[in-house]
PDB file of N, CA and C in Angstrom:
ATOM      1  N   MET A   1       2.073   5.820  12.677  1.00  0.00           N
ATOM      2  CA  MET A   1       2.066   5.082  11.437  1.00  0.00           C
ATOM      3  C   MET A   1       3.417   5.255  10.758  1.00  0.00           C
ATOM      4  N   THR A   2       3.459   5.778   9.528  1.00  0.00           N
ATOM      5  CA  THR A   2       4.756   5.900   8.849  1.00  0.00           C
ATOM      6  C   THR A   2       5.518   7.133   9.306  1.00  0.00           C
ATOM      7  N   MET A   3       4.827   8.059   9.934  1.00  0.00           N
ATOM      8  CA  MET A   3       5.442   9.299  10.418  1.00  0.00           C
ATOM      9  C   MET A   3       6.161  10.049   9.295  1.00  0.00           C
ATOM     10  N   GLY A   4       5.655   9.919   8.076  1.00  0.00           N
ATOM     11  CA  GLY A   4       6.215  10.636   6.934  1.00  0.00           C
ATOM     12  C   GLY A   4       7.457  10.001   6.349  1.00  0.00           C
ATOM     13  N   GLY A   5       7.769   8.785   6.758  1.00  0.00           N
ATOM     14  CA  GLY A   5       8.956   8.100   6.252  1.00  0.00           C
ATOM     15  C   GLY A   5       8.766   7.606   4.828  1.00  0.00           C
ATOM     16  N   THR A   6       9.862   7.274   4.182  1.00  0.00           N
ATOM     17  CA  THR A   6       9.831   6.714   2.841  1.00  0.00           C
ATOM     18  C   THR A   6       9.246   5.305   2.913  1.00  0.00           C
ATOM     19  N   PRO A   7       8.249   4.980   2.085  1.00  0.00           N
ATOM     20  CA  PRO A   7       7.594   3.684   2.195  1.00  0.00           C
ATOM     21  C   PRO A   7       8.480   2.479   1.854  1.00  0.00           C
ATOM     22  N   TYR A   8       9.407   2.625   0.940  1.00  0.00           N
ATOM     23  CA  TYR A   8      10.264   1.510   0.528  1.00  0.00           C
ATOM     24  C   TYR A   8      11.729   1.932   0.631  1.00  0.00           C
ATOM     25  N   PRO A   9      12.219   2.196   1.835  1.00  0.00           N
ATOM     26  CA  PRO A   9      13.568   2.761   1.979  1.00  0.00           C
ATOM     27  C   PRO A   9      14.697   1.834   1.540  1.00  0.00           C
ATOM     28  N   THR A  10      14.452   0.537   1.465  1.00  0.00           N
ATOM     29  CA  THR A  10      15.518  -0.399   1.100  1.00  0.00           C
ATOM     30  C   THR A  10      15.523  -0.755  -0.378  1.00  0.00           C
ATOM     31  N   ILE A  11      14.581  -0.198  -1.144  1.00  0.00           N
ATOM     32  CA  ILE A  11      14.495  -0.506  -2.572  1.00  0.00           C
ATOM     33  C   ILE A  11      14.882   0.736  -3.365  1.00  0.00           C
ATOM     34  N   ALA A  12      15.855   0.572  -4.262  1.00  0.00           N
ATOM     35  CA  ALA A  12      16.303   1.690  -5.098  1.00  0.00           C
ATOM     36  C   ALA A  12      15.178   2.097  -6.049  1.00  0.00           C
ATOM     37  N   MET A  13      15.030   3.376  -6.262  1.00  0.00           N
ATOM     38  CA  MET A  13      13.951   3.906  -7.093  1.00  0.00           C
ATOM     39  C   MET A  13      13.895   3.253  -8.485  1.00  0.00           C
ATOM     40  N   PRO A  14      15.032   3.023  -9.164  1.00  0.00           N
ATOM     41  CA  PRO A  14      14.941   2.389 -10.491  1.00  0.00           C
ATOM     42  C   PRO A  14      14.331   0.978 -10.461  1.00  0.00           C
ATOM     43  N   GLN A  15      14.433   0.279  -9.342  1.00  0.00           N
ATOM     44  CA  GLN A  15      13.891  -1.072  -9.236  1.00  0.00           C
ATOM     45  C   GLN A  15      12.474  -1.107  -8.664  1.00  0.00           C
ATOM     46  N   LEU A  16      12.016  -0.021  -8.107  1.00  0.00           N
ATOM     47  CA  LEU A  16      10.740  -0.023  -7.388  1.00  0.00           C
ATOM     48  C   LEU A  16       9.566  -0.444  -8.266  1.00  0.00           C
ATOM     49  N   TYR A  17       9.490   0.065  -9.473  1.00  0.00           N
ATOM     50  CA  TYR A  17       8.361  -0.269 -10.350  1.00  0.00           C
ATOM     51  C   TYR A  17       8.280  -1.773 -10.584  1.00  0.00           C
ATOM     52  N   SER A  18       9.397  -2.392 -10.934  1.00  0.00           N
ATOM     53  CA  SER A  18       9.357  -3.828 -11.222  1.00  0.00           C
ATOM     54  C   SER A  18       9.066  -4.644  -9.966  1.00  0.00           C
ATOM     55  N   VAL A  19       9.546  -4.190  -8.815  1.00  0.00           N
ATOM     56  CA  VAL A  19       9.266  -4.887  -7.555  1.00  0.00           C
ATOM     57  C   VAL A  19       7.765  -4.827  -7.250  1.00  0.00           C
ATOM     58  N   LEU A  20       7.169  -3.650  -7.411  1.00  0.00           N
ATOM     59  CA  LEU A  20       5.729  -3.507  -7.167  1.00  0.00           C
ATOM     60  C   LEU A  20       4.922  -4.276  -8.210  1.00  0.00           C
ATOM     61  N   LYS A  21       5.350  -4.212  -9.460  1.00  0.00           N
ATOM     62  CA  LYS A  21       4.674  -4.937 -10.535  1.00  0.00           C
ATOM     63  C   LYS A  21       4.694  -6.438 -10.262  1.00  0.00           C
ATOM     64  N   GLY A  22       5.752  -6.904  -9.596  1.00  0.00           N
ATOM     65  CA  GLY A  22       5.865  -8.307  -9.229  1.00  0.00           C
ATOM     66  C   GLY A  22       4.999  -8.701  -8.043  1.00  0.00           C
ATOM     67  N   GLY A  23       4.313  -7.736  -7.436  1.00  0.00           N
ATOM     68  CA  GLY A  23       3.372  -8.044  -6.368  1.00  0.00           C
ATOM     69  C   GLY A  23       3.831  -7.700  -4.962  1.00  0.00           C
ATOM     70  N   TYR A  24       5.060  -7.224  -4.815  1.00  0.00           N
ATOM     71  CA  TYR A  24       5.541  -6.887  -3.472  1.00  0.00           C
ATOM     72  C   TYR A  24       4.791  -5.668  -2.939  1.00  0.00           C
ATOM     73  N   ARG A  25       4.413  -5.713  -1.698  1.00  0.00           N
ATOM     74  CA  ARG A  25       3.807  -4.569  -1.020  1.00  0.00           C
ATOM     75  C   ARG A  25       4.488  -4.396   0.325  1.00  0.00           C
ATOM     76  N   MET A  26       4.559  -3.166   0.782  1.00  0.00           N
ATOM     77  CA  MET A  26       5.255  -2.897   2.039  1.00  0.00           C
ATOM     78  C   MET A  26       4.563  -3.584   3.209  1.00  0.00           C
ATOM     79  N   GLU A  27       5.345  -3.849   4.210  1.00  0.00           N
ATOM     80  CA  GLU A  27       4.828  -4.421   5.447  1.00  0.00           C
ATOM     81  C   GLU A  27       4.039  -3.340   6.183  1.00  0.00           C
ATOM     82  N   PRO A  28       3.184  -3.736   7.104  1.00  0.00           N
ATOM     83  CA  PRO A  28       2.451  -2.713   7.856  1.00  0.00           C
ATOM     84  C   PRO A  28       3.413  -1.843   8.665  1.00  0.00           C
ATOM     85  N   PRO A  29       3.211  -0.540   8.649  1.00  0.00           N
ATOM     86  CA  PRO A  29       4.033   0.335   9.488  1.00  0.00           C
ATOM     87  C   PRO A  29       3.842  -0.025  10.964  1.00  0.00           C
ATOM     88  N   GLN A  30       4.838   0.274  11.763  1.00  0.00           N
ATOM     89  CA  GLN A  30       4.709   0.034  13.199  1.00  0.00           C
ATOM     90  C   GLN A  30       3.508   0.807  13.730  1.00  0.00           C
ATOM     91  N   LYS A  31       2.814   0.207  14.639  1.00  0.00           N
ATOM     92  CA  LYS A  31       1.644   0.805  15.289  1.00  0.00           C
ATOM     93  C   LYS A  31       0.464   1.023  14.335  1.00  0.00           C
ATOM     94  N   CYS A  32       0.489   0.375  13.176  1.00  0.00           N
ATOM     95  CA  CYS A  32      -0.621   0.499  12.232  1.00  0.00           C
ATOM     96  C   CYS A  32      -1.665  -0.563  12.565  1.00  0.00           C
ATOM     97  N   PRO A  33      -2.885  -0.148  12.891  1.00  0.00           N
ATOM     98  CA  PRO A  33      -3.927  -1.136  13.187  1.00  0.00           C
ATOM     99  C   PRO A  33      -4.185  -2.048  11.982  1.00  0.00           C
ATOM    100  N   GLY A  34      -4.503  -3.294  12.256  1.00  0.00           N
ATOM    101  CA  GLY A  34      -4.734  -4.271  11.198  1.00  0.00           C
ATOM    102  C   GLY A  34      -5.784  -3.846  10.195  1.00  0.00           C
ATOM    103  N   GLU A  35      -6.877  -3.246  10.674  1.00  0.00           N
ATOM    104  CA  GLU A  35      -7.930  -2.846   9.737  1.00  0.00           C
ATOM    105  C   GLU A  35      -7.483  -1.707   8.823  1.00  0.00           C
ATOM    106  N   ILE A  36      -6.597  -0.857   9.293  1.00  0.00           N
ATOM    107  CA  ILE A  36      -6.061   0.211   8.435  1.00  0.00           C
ATOM    108  C   ILE A  36      -5.142  -0.389   7.380  1.00  0.00           C
ATOM    109  N   TYR A  37      -4.296  -1.327   7.786  1.00  0.00           N
ATOM    110  CA  TYR A  37      -3.409  -1.973   6.814  1.00  0.00           C
ATOM    111  C   TYR A  37      -4.228  -2.742   5.779  1.00  0.00           C
ATOM    112  N   ASP A  38      -5.279  -3.420   6.202  1.00  0.00           N
ATOM    113  CA  ASP A  38      -6.147  -4.131   5.257  1.00  0.00           C
ATOM    114  C   ASP A  38      -6.747  -3.159   4.247  1.00  0.00           C
ATOM    115  N   LEU A  39      -7.140  -1.988   4.703  1.00  0.00           N
ATOM    116  CA  LEU A  39      -7.670  -0.962   3.808  1.00  0.00           C
ATOM    117  C   LEU A  39      -6.595  -0.501   2.830  1.00  0.00           C
ATOM    118  N   MET A  40      -5.374  -0.301   3.328  1.00  0.00           N
ATOM    119  CA  MET A  40      -4.264   0.094   2.454  1.00  0.00           C
ATOM    120  C   MET A  40      -4.052  -0.953   1.365  1.00  0.00           C
ATOM    121  N   VAL A  41      -4.009  -2.213   1.759  1.00  0.00           N
ATOM    122  CA  VAL A  41      -3.786  -3.301   0.802  1.00  0.00           C
ATOM    123  C   VAL A  41      -4.907  -3.353  -0.232  1.00  0.00           C
ATOM    124  N   SER A  42      -6.139  -3.108   0.199  1.00  0.00           N
ATOM    125  CA  SER A  42      -7.260  -3.138  -0.746  1.00  0.00           C
ATOM    126  C   SER A  42      -7.134  -2.044  -1.805  1.00  0.00           C
ATOM    127  N   CYS A  43      -6.456  -0.968  -1.489  1.00  0.00           N
ATOM    128  CA  CYS A  43      -6.240   0.121  -2.449  1.00  0.00           C
ATOM    129  C   CYS A  43      -5.099  -0.190  -3.417  1.00  0.00           C
ATOM    130  N   TRP A  44      -4.311  -1.192  -3.105  1.00  0.00           N
ATOM    131  CA  TRP A  44      -3.141  -1.541  -3.928  1.00  0.00           C
ATOM    132  C   TRP A  44      -3.401  -2.697  -4.878  1.00  0.00           C
ATOM    133  N   GLN A  45      -4.642  -3.095  -5.067  1.00  0.00           N
ATOM    134  CA  GLN A  45      -4.948  -4.208  -5.964  1.00  0.00           C
ATOM    135  C   GLN A  45      -4.434  -3.890  -7.366  1.00  0.00           C
ATOM    136  N   SER A  46      -3.864  -4.889  -8.041  1.00  0.00           N
ATOM    137  CA  SER A  46      -3.299  -4.647  -9.370  1.00  0.00           C
ATOM    138  C   SER A  46      -4.384  -4.467 -10.431  1.00  0.00           C
ATOM    139  N   LYS A  47      -5.536  -5.085 -10.239  1.00  0.00           N
ATOM    140  CA  LYS A  47      -6.639  -4.911 -11.185  1.00  0.00           C
ATOM    141  C   LYS A  47      -7.476  -3.716 -10.733  1.00  0.00           C
ATOM    142  N   LEU A  48      -7.626  -2.763 -11.625  1.00  0.00           N
ATOM    143  CA  LEU A  48      -8.340  -1.530 -11.273  1.00  0.00           C
ATOM    144  C   LEU A  48      -9.751  -1.792 -10.771  1.00  0.00           C
ATOM    145  N   VAL A  49     -10.423  -2.788 -11.316  1.00  0.00           N
ATOM    146  CA  VAL A  49     -11.805  -3.051 -10.889  1.00  0.00           C
ATOM    147  C   VAL A  49     -11.865  -3.527  -9.443  1.00  0.00           C
ATOM    148  N   LEU A  50     -10.754  -4.015  -8.894  1.00  0.00           N
ATOM    149  CA  LEU A  50     -10.720  -4.474  -7.509  1.00  0.00           C
ATOM    150  C   LEU A  50     -10.266  -3.396  -6.535  1.00  0.00           C
ATOM    151  N   GLN A  51      -9.690  -2.312  -7.068  1.00  0.00           N
ATOM    152  CA  GLN A  51      -9.211  -1.235  -6.199  1.00  0.00           C
ATOM    153  C   GLN A  51     -10.391  -0.458  -5.633  1.00  0.00           C
ATOM    154  N   LYS A  52     -10.252  -0.055  -4.398  1.00  0.00           N
ATOM    155  CA  LYS A  52     -11.291   0.781  -3.796  1.00  0.00           C
ATOM    156  C   LYS A  52     -11.103   2.221  -4.265  1.00  0.00           C
ATOM    157  N   ASN A  53     -12.218   2.866  -4.575  1.00  0.00           N
ATOM    158  CA  ASN A  53     -12.142   4.274  -4.939  1.00  0.00           C
ATOM    159  C   ASN A  53     -12.298   5.127  -3.679  1.00  0.00           C
ATOM    160  N   THR A  54     -12.189   6.417  -3.842  1.00  0.00           N
ATOM    161  CA  THR A  54     -12.235   7.334  -2.708  1.00  0.00           C
ATOM    162  C   THR A  54     -13.536   7.196  -1.925  1.00  0.00           C
ATOM    163  N   ARG A  55     -14.633   7.048  -2.619  1.00  0.00           N
ATOM    164  CA  ARG A  55     -15.928   6.917  -1.938  1.00  0.00           C
ATOM    165  C   ARG A  55     -15.971   5.640  -1.100  1.00  0.00           C
ATOM    166  N   ALA A  56     -15.501   4.526  -1.650  1.00  0.00           N
ATOM    167  CA  ALA A  56     -15.510   3.259  -0.910  1.00  0.00           C
ATOM    168  C   ALA A  56     -14.622   3.347   0.324  1.00  0.00           C
ATOM    169  N   VAL A  57     -13.480   4.009   0.187  1.00  0.00           N
ATOM    170  CA  VAL A  57     -12.583   4.182   1.334  1.00  0.00           C
ATOM    171  C   VAL A  57     -13.256   5.053   2.386  1.00  0.00           C
ATOM    172  N   SER A  58     -13.872   6.140   1.942  1.00  0.00           N
ATOM    173  CA  SER A  58     -14.545   7.053   2.868  1.00  0.00           C
ATOM    174  C   SER A  58     -15.702   6.362   3.588  1.00  0.00           C
ATOM    175  N   ASP A  59     -16.450   5.538   2.857  1.00  0.00           N
ATOM    176  CA  ASP A  59     -17.581   4.825   3.449  1.00  0.00           C
ATOM    177  C   ASP A  59     -17.131   3.797   4.479  1.00  0.00           C
ATOM    178  N   GLN A  60     -15.955   3.250   4.251  1.00  0.00           N
ATOM    179  CA  GLN A  60     -15.457   2.224   5.174  1.00  0.00           C
ATOM    180  C   GLN A  60     -14.963   2.874   6.428  1.00  0.00           C
TER     181      GLN A  60
END
């Protein structure tokens, strides 16, 4: 998966918040199964009511 790498290596830290706030999300890491990436994306929903909590992630 990410092998401990920085998730957004090409984005400077001062700009990261505004980039994420604008809706950008990282691409799937190499060798990341589609269902795992889908789960990651579901945790990144901007509306808290749409984000999966720990129990929902564990159940999935």
